């Protein structure tokens, strides 16, 4: 992969990361078990501060348990500009990509020796949501989910739902595709995509609906040698939906990112 990614592409990825995510974000982190039961509800602060020469980004995080405020996790990492992709110090095996469509993806190739996951990021104005979808390394079954709902601290506040997050099942609305792009994990090149149909009722998949119009549609189990899509959909206002699809191909296990902007018909 290294030979296929140009210096220009790496430069573009790094500065897109700084421009779109280099702020203080405050919000909520909800951790769920694989069956959708809430494991933990946390108040979240994440801050990304670029060095003056943009050579590194300091990533500060602080999570406070809402039920027991004495439980606080506070850490600081340094993210280096390197390739291929932006490699986070928490997981050197991962690949991180950011599209021009206000979306991003952090993922790791399928493995029987370590946990398998993908994190899809979606940004709209001063809001950001991301969801991490984990699978057991041995059975490849869905094991847990972590949902971030954040807002830029430097801009006008936005109130996320104050209801305690619950997972429900519902029929997803009919959508009209406005824009669709494919970001390749091989080259970090983006290209228009005419369409990528999503079948929400496909067999052996799970649909979870979270607060604030966020839904995921994921396989119950990843299958070696087959294509898998992890679909994250966010209805961020009355009639607009942004969707990110982590597309694990059958010939390579690092995932591409499909971004779709849709309107409800």
Foldseek 3Di string as FASTA:
>chain_A
DVVQADPVLLVVFLVVCCVQPQFKKWFWKWKAWLVFHTDFIWTKIWHWHADPVRQKIKIWIWIATPVHRVDIDTDIFIWGSDPDATAGPVGNQWHKGDDPQQKIKIFHFQALVDKGWMKIWHDDDQKIKIKIWIAHSHFQFTTMMMITTIGGPVDDDDDFDPDDKGWDDDDDFDKDWDFKWKQDSSHRDIDTDPDDDDDQPDPQWDWTAIGQQKIWIFHRGDDALAKTKTKIWGPNDDWKIKIWIFIQHSVTRHTMIMITIITGD
